[in-house]
Amino acid sequence: MLYIDTFSIEVSYFIFDSGIRRSELQNVTQQDIIDATEFNSQKLISRNSDTPTISSYAPLSIDGVKGRHNNRKQRMTLVSRAVLDRTNKYHASPLYKKYARKYVSPDELPAFFNSKGRPITPKCLSKLLDRLSNRAIQSGALHKPISPHKLRHGYAY
């Protein structure tokens, strides 16, 4: 049960911080996370100063899905360093590594798996957040249920 709670929170943070659609989460690969993390390790120099600054956000390339026919289109979003660090910790977990063995390269490797070791699907994500929000409502932490789309709107706000 602890894995599901931790995983639910990681996915929630990721969606809230990146603003991606629930249908786009399954298209995020480990290579996308690696690329964003490597961008974040670069030091940017401004014209007025020679001291490098480290950006607290990094661009994340997403294979976007939108419209009636699920047309795919590349788009960019920003992800914070904190969420990238949390996602990298998730990728270092023994359970993630166990599920990742099936994949040859980081380009094919999904960034998030469901509890059965398959890539997370939009339906699975919705059920996961329903369970998480119902527990939060019962404990009094929330008054209304959350959904992936509400997390996306939280990013926009």
C-alpha atoms as a PDB file:
ATOM      1  CA  MET A   1       0.000   0.000   0.000  1.00  0.00           C
ATOM      2  CA  LEU A   2       2.891   2.353   0.709  1.00  0.00           C
ATOM      3  CA  TYR A   3       4.134   2.004  -2.897  1.00  0.00           C
ATOM      4  CA  ILE A   4       0.743   2.999  -4.302  1.00  0.00           C
ATOM      5  CA  ASP A   5       0.525   6.047  -2.026  1.00  0.00           C
ATOM      6  CA  THR A   6       4.069   7.154  -2.859  1.00  0.00           C
ATOM      7  CA  PHE A   7       3.541   6.482  -6.545  1.00  0.00           C
ATOM      8  CA  SER A   8       0.224   8.396  -6.556  1.00  0.00           C
ATOM      9  CA  ILE A   9       1.906  11.377  -4.995  1.00  0.00           C
ATOM     10  CA  GLU A  10       4.827  11.269  -7.466  1.00  0.00           C
ATOM     11  CA  VAL A  11       2.497  11.147 -10.455  1.00  0.00           C
ATOM     12  CA  SER A  12       0.322  13.913  -8.990  1.00  0.00           C
ATOM     13  CA  TYR A  13       3.335  16.157  -8.481  1.00  0.00           C
ATOM     14  CA  PHE A  14       4.534  15.443 -11.994  1.00  0.00           C
ATOM     15  CA  ILE A  15       1.178  16.288 -13.618  1.00  0.00           C
ATOM     16  CA  PHE A  16       0.664  19.374 -11.454  1.00  0.00           C
ATOM     17  CA  ASP A  17       4.177  20.662 -12.102  1.00  0.00           C
ATOM     18  CA  SER A  18       4.303  19.942 -15.846  1.00  0.00           C
ATOM     19  CA  GLY A  19       0.667  20.591 -16.799  1.00  0.00           C
ATOM     20  CA  ILE A  20       0.489  17.589 -19.106  1.00  0.00           C
ATOM     21  CA  ARG A  21      -2.745  15.888 -20.106  1.00  0.00           C
ATOM     22  CA  ARG A  22      -3.558  12.487 -18.652  1.00  0.00           C
ATOM     23  CA  SER A  23      -3.274  10.962 -22.126  1.00  0.00           C
ATOM     24  CA  GLU A  24       0.232  12.409 -22.498  1.00  0.00           C
ATOM     25  CA  LEU A  25       1.658  10.853 -19.342  1.00  0.00           C
ATOM     26  CA  GLN A  26       1.998   7.448 -20.976  1.00  0.00           C
ATOM     27  CA  ASN A  27       4.167   9.008 -23.714  1.00  0.00           C
ATOM     28  CA  VAL A  28       6.763  10.442 -21.322  1.00  0.00           C
ATOM     29  CA  THR A  29       9.872   8.270 -21.409  1.00  0.00           C
ATOM     30  CA  GLN A  30      12.858   7.980 -19.139  1.00  0.00           C
ATOM     31  CA  GLN A  31      14.939   9.617 -21.888  1.00  0.00           C
ATOM     32  CA  ASP A  32      12.689  12.697 -21.690  1.00  0.00           C
ATOM     33  CA  ILE A  33      13.417  12.917 -17.957  1.00  0.00           C
ATOM     34  CA  ILE A  34      17.148  12.409 -18.553  1.00  0.00           C
ATOM     35  CA  ASP A  35      17.190  15.172 -21.182  1.00  0.00           C
ATOM     36  CA  ALA A  36      15.402  17.588 -18.846  1.00  0.00           C
ATOM     37  CA  THR A  37      17.752  16.699 -15.980  1.00  0.00           C
ATOM     38  CA  GLU A  38      20.821  17.233 -18.183  1.00  0.00           C
ATOM     39  CA  PHE A  39      19.493  20.629 -19.255  1.00  0.00           C
ATOM     40  CA  ASN A  40      19.072  21.447 -15.607  1.00  0.00           C
ATOM     41  CA  SER A  41      22.712  20.600 -14.928  1.00  0.00           C
ATOM     42  CA  GLN A  42      23.886  23.278 -17.368  1.00  0.00           C
ATOM     43  CA  LYS A  43      24.944  26.582 -15.926  1.00  0.00           C
ATOM     44  CA  LEU A  44      23.592  29.651 -17.670  1.00  0.00           C
ATOM     45  CA  ILE A  45      25.626  32.853 -17.781  1.00  0.00           C
ATOM     46  CA  SER A  46      23.969  36.242 -18.024  1.00  0.00           C
ATOM     47  CA  ARG A  47      25.472  39.255 -19.796  1.00  0.00           C
ATOM     48  CA  ASN A  48      25.787  41.318 -16.637  1.00  0.00           C
ATOM     49  CA  SER A  49      27.622  38.728 -14.604  1.00  0.00           C
ATOM     50  CA  ASP A  50      30.234  36.033 -15.032  1.00  0.00           C
ATOM     51  CA  THR A  51      28.768  33.898 -12.286  1.00  0.00           C
ATOM     52  CA  PRO A  52      26.718  31.038 -13.656  1.00  0.00           C
ATOM     53  CA  THR A  53      23.125  30.651 -12.594  1.00  0.00           C
ATOM     54  CA  ILE A  54      21.322  27.345 -12.386  1.00  0.00           C
ATOM     55  CA  SER A  55      17.787  27.365 -13.698  1.00  0.00           C
ATOM     56  CA  SER A  56      15.129  26.046 -11.345  1.00  0.00           C
ATOM     57  CA  TYR A  57      13.078  24.842 -14.331  1.00  0.00           C
ATOM     58  CA  ALA A  58      13.950  22.734 -17.354  1.00  0.00           C
ATOM     59  CA  PRO A  59      12.148  22.195 -20.659  1.00  0.00           C
ATOM     60  CA  LEU A  60      10.484  18.827 -21.098  1.00  0.00           C
ATOM     61  CA  SER A  61       9.623  17.589 -24.569  1.00  0.00           C
ATOM     62  CA  ILE A  62       6.270  15.806 -24.667  1.00  0.00           C
ATOM     63  CA  ASP A  63       4.712  13.709 -27.371  1.00  0.00           C
ATOM     64  CA  GLY A  64       1.368  15.490 -27.061  1.00  0.00           C
ATOM     65  CA  VAL A  65      -2.001  13.906 -27.768  1.00  0.00           C
ATOM     66  CA  LYS A  66      -4.960  16.139 -28.454  1.00  0.00           C
ATOM     67  CA  GLY A  67      -8.134  16.060 -30.487  1.00  0.00           C
ATOM     68  CA  ARG A  68     -10.633  13.508 -31.686  1.00  0.00           C
ATOM     69  CA  HIS A  69      -8.214  11.259 -33.484  1.00  0.00           C
ATOM     70  CA  ASN A  70      -5.477  11.387 -30.847  1.00  0.00           C
ATOM     71  CA  ASN A  71      -3.193  13.285 -33.183  1.00  0.00           C
ATOM     72  CA  ARG A  72       0.354  13.342 -31.843  1.00  0.00           C
ATOM     73  CA  LYS A  73       2.330  16.552 -31.840  1.00  0.00           C
ATOM     74  CA  GLN A  74       5.582  17.484 -30.106  1.00  0.00           C
ATOM     75  CA  ARG A  75       5.220  20.220 -27.539  1.00  0.00           C
ATOM     76  CA  MET A  76       7.297  21.645 -24.721  1.00  0.00           C
ATOM     77  CA  THR A  77       6.531  22.356 -21.103  1.00  0.00           C
ATOM     78  CA  LEU A  78       8.568  23.323 -18.052  1.00  0.00           C
ATOM     79  CA  VAL A  79       9.299  21.071 -15.093  1.00  0.00           C
ATOM     80  CA  SER A  80      10.867  22.139 -11.816  1.00  0.00           C
ATOM     81  CA  ARG A  81      14.149  20.765 -10.550  1.00  0.00           C
ATOM     82  CA  ALA A  82      12.377  19.416  -7.442  1.00  0.00           C
ATOM     83  CA  VAL A  83       9.997  17.279  -9.515  1.00  0.00           C
ATOM     84  CA  LEU A  84      12.845  16.055 -11.722  1.00  0.00           C
ATOM     85  CA  ASP A  85      14.766  15.035  -8.589  1.00  0.00           C
ATOM     86  CA  ARG A  86      11.716  13.199  -7.211  1.00  0.00           C
ATOM     87  CA  THR A  87      11.168  11.436 -10.543  1.00  0.00           C
ATOM     88  CA  ASN A  88      14.828  10.394 -10.668  1.00  0.00           C
ATOM     89  CA  LYS A  89      14.512   8.968  -7.141  1.00  0.00           C
ATOM     90  CA  TYR A  90      11.464   7.004  -8.332  1.00  0.00           C
ATOM     91  CA  HIS A  91      13.527   5.729 -11.276  1.00  0.00           C
ATOM     92  CA  ALA A  92      16.225   4.574  -8.828  1.00  0.00           C
ATOM     93  CA  SER A  93      13.744   2.491  -6.813  1.00  0.00           C
ATOM     94  CA  PRO A  94      14.101  -1.317  -6.958  1.00  0.00           C
ATOM     95  CA  LEU A  95      10.519  -1.785  -8.161  1.00  0.00           C
ATOM     96  CA  TYR A  96      10.947   0.630 -11.083  1.00  0.00           C
ATOM     97  CA  LYS A  97      14.231  -1.059 -12.029  1.00  0.00           C
ATOM     98  CA  LYS A  98      12.492  -4.438 -11.947  1.00  0.00           C
ATOM     99  CA  TYR A  99       9.827  -3.288 -14.403  1.00  0.00           C
ATOM    100  CA  ALA A 100      12.376  -1.417 -16.541  1.00  0.00           C
ATOM    101  CA  ARG A 101      14.313  -4.614 -17.352  1.00  0.00           C
ATOM    102  CA  LYS A 102      11.855  -5.408 -20.145  1.00  0.00           C
ATOM    103  CA  TYR A 103      12.948  -2.359 -22.145  1.00  0.00           C
ATOM    104  CA  VAL A 104      16.118  -2.025 -24.203  1.00  0.00           C
ATOM    105  CA  SER A 105      16.689   1.734 -24.225  1.00  0.00           C
ATOM    106  CA  PRO A 106      15.580   4.813 -22.264  1.00  0.00           C
ATOM    107  CA  ASP A 107      13.784   6.009 -25.430  1.00  0.00           C
ATOM    108  CA  GLU A 108      11.275   3.156 -25.069  1.00  0.00           C
ATOM    109  CA  LEU A 109      11.205   3.026 -21.265  1.00  0.00           C
ATOM    110  CA  PRO A 110       8.065   4.656 -19.791  1.00  0.00           C
ATOM    111  CA  ALA A 111       8.689   7.203 -17.059  1.00  0.00           C
ATOM    112  CA  PHE A 112       5.869   5.730 -14.934  1.00  0.00           C
ATOM    113  CA  PHE A 113       4.528   2.211 -14.451  1.00  0.00           C
ATOM    114  CA  ASN A 114       1.271   1.041 -12.898  1.00  0.00           C
ATOM    115  CA  SER A 115       1.210  -1.434 -10.007  1.00  0.00           C
ATOM    116  CA  LYS A 116       1.336  -4.390 -12.417  1.00  0.00           C
ATOM    117  CA  GLY A 117       4.495  -3.210 -14.150  1.00  0.00           C
ATOM    118  CA  ARG A 118       2.854  -1.948 -17.323  1.00  0.00           C
ATOM    119  CA  PRO A 119       3.080   1.618 -18.624  1.00  0.00           C
ATOM    120  CA  ILE A 120       0.528   3.816 -16.907  1.00  0.00           C
ATOM    121  CA  THR A 121      -2.631   4.468 -18.924  1.00  0.00           C
ATOM    122  CA  PRO A 122      -5.066   7.397 -18.692  1.00  0.00           C
ATOM    123  CA  LYS A 123      -7.724   5.136 -17.129  1.00  0.00           C
ATOM    124  CA  CYS A 124      -5.260   3.820 -14.546  1.00  0.00           C
ATOM    125  CA  LEU A 125      -4.203   7.372 -13.696  1.00  0.00           C
ATOM    126  CA  SER A 126      -7.806   8.472 -13.162  1.00  0.00           C
ATOM    127  CA  LYS A 127      -8.508   5.509 -10.866  1.00  0.00           C
ATOM    128  CA  LEU A 128      -5.316   6.182  -8.940  1.00  0.00           C
ATOM    129  CA  LEU A 129      -6.200   9.827  -8.332  1.00  0.00           C
ATOM    130  CA  ASP A 130      -9.791   8.895  -7.424  1.00  0.00           C
ATOM    131  CA  ARG A 131      -8.491   6.553  -4.733  1.00  0.00           C
ATOM    132  CA  LEU A 132      -6.026   9.137  -3.472  1.00  0.00           C
ATOM    133  CA  SER A 133      -8.585  11.942  -3.354  1.00  0.00           C
ATOM    134  CA  ASN A 134     -11.199   9.738  -1.648  1.00  0.00           C
ATOM    135  CA  ARG A 135      -8.698   8.954   1.111  1.00  0.00           C
ATOM    136  CA  ALA A 136      -7.887  12.653   1.448  1.00  0.00           C
ATOM    137  CA  ILE A 137     -11.600  13.533   1.643  1.00  0.00           C
ATOM    138  CA  GLN A 138     -12.173  10.895   4.339  1.00  0.00           C
ATOM    139  CA  SER A 139      -9.256  12.228   6.370  1.00  0.00           C
ATOM    140  CA  GLY A 140     -10.519  15.806   5.995  1.00  0.00           C
ATOM    141  CA  ALA A 141      -7.543  17.044   3.967  1.00  0.00           C
ATOM    142  CA  LEU A 142      -9.749  17.759   0.912  1.00  0.00           C
ATOM    143  CA  HIS A 143     -13.347  18.811   0.440  1.00  0.00           C
ATOM    144  CA  LYS A 144     -13.730  17.962  -3.266  1.00  0.00           C
ATOM    145  CA  PRO A 145     -12.230  15.151  -5.328  1.00  0.00           C
ATOM    146  CA  ILE A 146      -9.248  15.853  -7.560  1.00  0.00           C
ATOM    147  CA  SER A 147      -8.786  14.748 -11.151  1.00  0.00           C
ATOM    148  CA  PRO A 148      -5.907  14.856 -13.622  1.00  0.00           C
ATOM    149  CA  HIS A 149      -7.584  17.779 -15.392  1.00  0.00           C
ATOM    150  CA  LYS A 150      -7.826  19.779 -12.151  1.00  0.00           C
ATOM    151  CA  LEU A 151      -4.097  19.215 -11.620  1.00  0.00           C
ATOM    152  CA  ARG A 152      -3.502  20.478 -15.143  1.00  0.00           C
ATOM    153  CA  HIS A 153      -5.517  23.615 -14.374  1.00  0.00           C
ATOM    154  CA  GLY A 154      -3.489  24.057 -11.177  1.00  0.00           C
ATOM    155  CA  TYR A 155      -0.378  24.250 -13.347  1.00  0.00           C
ATOM    156  CA  ALA A 156      -1.984  26.873 -15.571  1.00  0.00           C
ATOM    157  CA  TYR A 157      -3.001  28.947 -12.565  1.00  0.00           C
END
